[in-house]
Amino acid sequence: MERKGFVQHTQRGRAFVFKSRVTRDEVGGRLAKNLLERTFGGSPSALLMNLLDRNTVNERELNELEALIHDYRQRKTEDDAQSK
């Protein structure tokens, strides 16, 4: 974990004390990106379809996913407009 940059350690007497170097969100992001690249060839839609096909997803969750995609599109459009 230390070599991967997730934790660092200090020595107190004979004990090693480990401390996180990244947030939970950063770890989750790295793991998700790794899974996406290694398992789904970098395709977010393939990952999402795999999750939807293999899990029970209720109407509320589908609505949440649609709202997240809509919000992402709006942010991306705004970011693209600002960078021009």
C-alpha atoms as a PDB file:
ATOM      1  CA  MET A   1       0.000   0.000   0.000  1.00  0.00           C
ATOM      2  CA  GLU A   2       2.880   2.321   0.737  1.00  0.00           C
ATOM      3  CA  ARG A   3       4.518   1.675  -2.645  1.00  0.00           C
ATOM      4  CA  LYS A   4       1.221   2.472  -4.355  1.00  0.00           C
ATOM      5  CA  GLY A   5       1.070   5.815  -2.546  1.00  0.00           C
ATOM      6  CA  PHE A   6      -2.003   5.075  -0.426  1.00  0.00           C
ATOM      7  CA  VAL A   7      -0.301   5.251   2.985  1.00  0.00           C
ATOM      8  CA  GLN A   8       2.884   6.455   4.618  1.00  0.00           C
ATOM      9  CA  HIS A   9       4.437   5.295   7.827  1.00  0.00           C
ATOM     10  CA  THR A  10       6.494   6.644  10.657  1.00  0.00           C
ATOM     11  CA  GLN A  11       8.222   4.661  13.319  1.00  0.00           C
ATOM     12  CA  ARG A  12       7.458   5.193  16.985  1.00  0.00           C
ATOM     13  CA  GLY A  13       9.745   3.067  19.023  1.00  0.00           C
ATOM     14  CA  ARG A  14       9.383  -0.432  17.662  1.00  0.00           C
ATOM     15  CA  ALA A  15       5.962   0.188  16.135  1.00  0.00           C
ATOM     16  CA  PHE A  16       5.096   1.453  12.668  1.00  0.00           C
ATOM     17  CA  VAL A  17       2.304   4.033  12.563  1.00  0.00           C
ATOM     18  CA  PHE A  18       0.515   4.236   9.229  1.00  0.00           C
ATOM     19  CA  LYS A  19      -1.329   7.272   7.939  1.00  0.00           C
ATOM     20  CA  SER A  20      -3.498   7.594   4.853  1.00  0.00           C
ATOM     21  CA  ARG A  21      -2.068   9.732   2.058  1.00  0.00           C
ATOM     22  CA  VAL A  22      -5.266   9.841  -0.009  1.00  0.00           C
ATOM     23  CA  THR A  23      -8.968  10.319   0.675  1.00  0.00           C
ATOM     24  CA  ARG A  24     -11.597   7.616   0.386  1.00  0.00           C
ATOM     25  CA  ASP A  25     -12.883   9.319  -2.781  1.00  0.00           C
ATOM     26  CA  GLU A  26      -9.412   9.264  -4.327  1.00  0.00           C
ATOM     27  CA  VAL A  27      -9.011   5.552  -3.551  1.00  0.00           C
ATOM     28  CA  GLY A  28     -12.458   4.829  -4.962  1.00  0.00           C
ATOM     29  CA  GLY A  29     -11.636   6.810  -8.089  1.00  0.00           C
ATOM     30  CA  ARG A  30      -8.357   4.957  -8.638  1.00  0.00           C
ATOM     31  CA  LEU A  31     -10.026   1.582  -8.117  1.00  0.00           C
ATOM     32  CA  ALA A  32     -12.934   2.439 -10.418  1.00  0.00           C
ATOM     33  CA  LYS A  33     -10.591   3.683 -13.140  1.00  0.00           C
ATOM     34  CA  ASN A  34      -8.475   0.549 -12.845  1.00  0.00           C
ATOM     35  CA  LEU A  35     -11.565  -1.689 -13.045  1.00  0.00           C
ATOM     36  CA  LEU A  36     -12.866   0.280 -16.024  1.00  0.00           C
ATOM     37  CA  GLU A  37      -9.576   0.032 -17.922  1.00  0.00           C
ATOM     38  CA  ARG A  38      -8.666  -3.553 -17.113  1.00  0.00           C
ATOM     39  CA  THR A  39     -12.084  -5.185 -17.258  1.00  0.00           C
ATOM     40  CA  PHE A  40     -14.196  -3.098 -19.614  1.00  0.00           C
ATOM     41  CA  GLY A  41     -11.619  -1.746 -22.048  1.00  0.00           C
ATOM     42  CA  GLY A  42     -12.150   1.805 -20.776  1.00  0.00           C
ATOM     43  CA  SER A  43     -15.852   1.807 -21.702  1.00  0.00           C
ATOM     44  CA  PRO A  44     -18.072   3.414 -19.041  1.00  0.00           C
ATOM     45  CA  SER A  45     -21.192   2.251 -20.872  1.00  0.00           C
ATOM     46  CA  ALA A  46     -19.984  -1.379 -20.782  1.00  0.00           C
ATOM     47  CA  LEU A  47     -19.384  -1.092 -17.043  1.00  0.00           C
ATOM     48  CA  LEU A  48     -22.789   0.468 -16.453  1.00  0.00           C
ATOM     49  CA  MET A  49     -24.611  -2.138 -18.553  1.00  0.00           C
ATOM     50  CA  ASN A  50     -22.818  -4.912 -16.667  1.00  0.00           C
ATOM     51  CA  LEU A  51     -23.964  -3.431 -13.361  1.00  0.00           C
ATOM     52  CA  LEU A  52     -27.534  -2.959 -14.585  1.00  0.00           C
ATOM     53  CA  ASP A  53     -27.782  -6.446 -16.105  1.00  0.00           C
ATOM     54  CA  ARG A  54     -26.463  -8.244 -13.032  1.00  0.00           C
ATOM     55  CA  ASN A  55     -28.150  -6.306 -10.226  1.00  0.00           C
ATOM     56  CA  THR A  56     -31.656  -5.380  -9.223  1.00  0.00           C
ATOM     57  CA  VAL A  57     -32.145  -1.714 -10.008  1.00  0.00           C
ATOM     58  CA  ASN A  58     -35.406  -0.113  -8.988  1.00  0.00           C
ATOM     59  CA  GLU A  59     -37.140   2.802 -10.687  1.00  0.00           C
ATOM     60  CA  ARG A  60     -35.828   5.323  -8.132  1.00  0.00           C
ATOM     61  CA  GLU A  61     -32.240   4.274  -8.817  1.00  0.00           C
ATOM     62  CA  LEU A  62     -32.762   4.455 -12.569  1.00  0.00           C
ATOM     63  CA  ASN A  63     -34.127   7.975 -12.140  1.00  0.00           C
ATOM     64  CA  GLU A  64     -31.064   8.884 -10.058  1.00  0.00           C
ATOM     65  CA  LEU A  65     -28.741   7.552 -12.768  1.00  0.00           C
ATOM     66  CA  GLU A  66     -30.580   9.540 -15.424  1.00  0.00           C
ATOM     67  CA  ALA A  67     -30.341  12.700 -13.292  1.00  0.00           C
ATOM     68  CA  LEU A  68     -26.615  12.132 -12.725  1.00  0.00           C
ATOM     69  CA  ILE A  69     -26.031  11.727 -16.465  1.00  0.00           C
ATOM     70  CA  HIS A  70     -28.080  14.863 -17.175  1.00  0.00           C
ATOM     71  CA  ASP A  71     -26.112  16.878 -14.581  1.00  0.00           C
ATOM     72  CA  TYR A  72     -22.817  15.555 -15.953  1.00  0.00           C
ATOM     73  CA  ARG A  73     -23.777  16.645 -19.486  1.00  0.00           C
ATOM     74  CA  GLN A  74     -24.638  20.133 -18.268  1.00  0.00           C
ATOM     75  CA  ARG A  75     -21.344  20.478 -16.361  1.00  0.00           C
ATOM     76  CA  LYS A  76     -19.360  19.176 -19.335  1.00  0.00           C
ATOM     77  CA  THR A  77     -21.099  21.622 -21.693  1.00  0.00           C
ATOM     78  CA  GLU A  78     -20.377  24.526 -19.311  1.00  0.00           C
ATOM     79  CA  ASP A  79     -16.737  23.442 -18.882  1.00  0.00           C
ATOM     80  CA  ASP A  80     -16.286  23.118 -22.656  1.00  0.00           C
ATOM     81  CA  ALA A  81     -17.776  26.596 -23.188  1.00  0.00           C
ATOM     82  CA  GLN A  82     -15.462  28.140 -20.578  1.00  0.00           C
ATOM     83  CA  SER A  83     -12.343  26.569 -22.076  1.00  0.00           C
ATOM     84  CA  LYS A  84     -12.961  28.131 -25.506  1.00  0.00           C
END
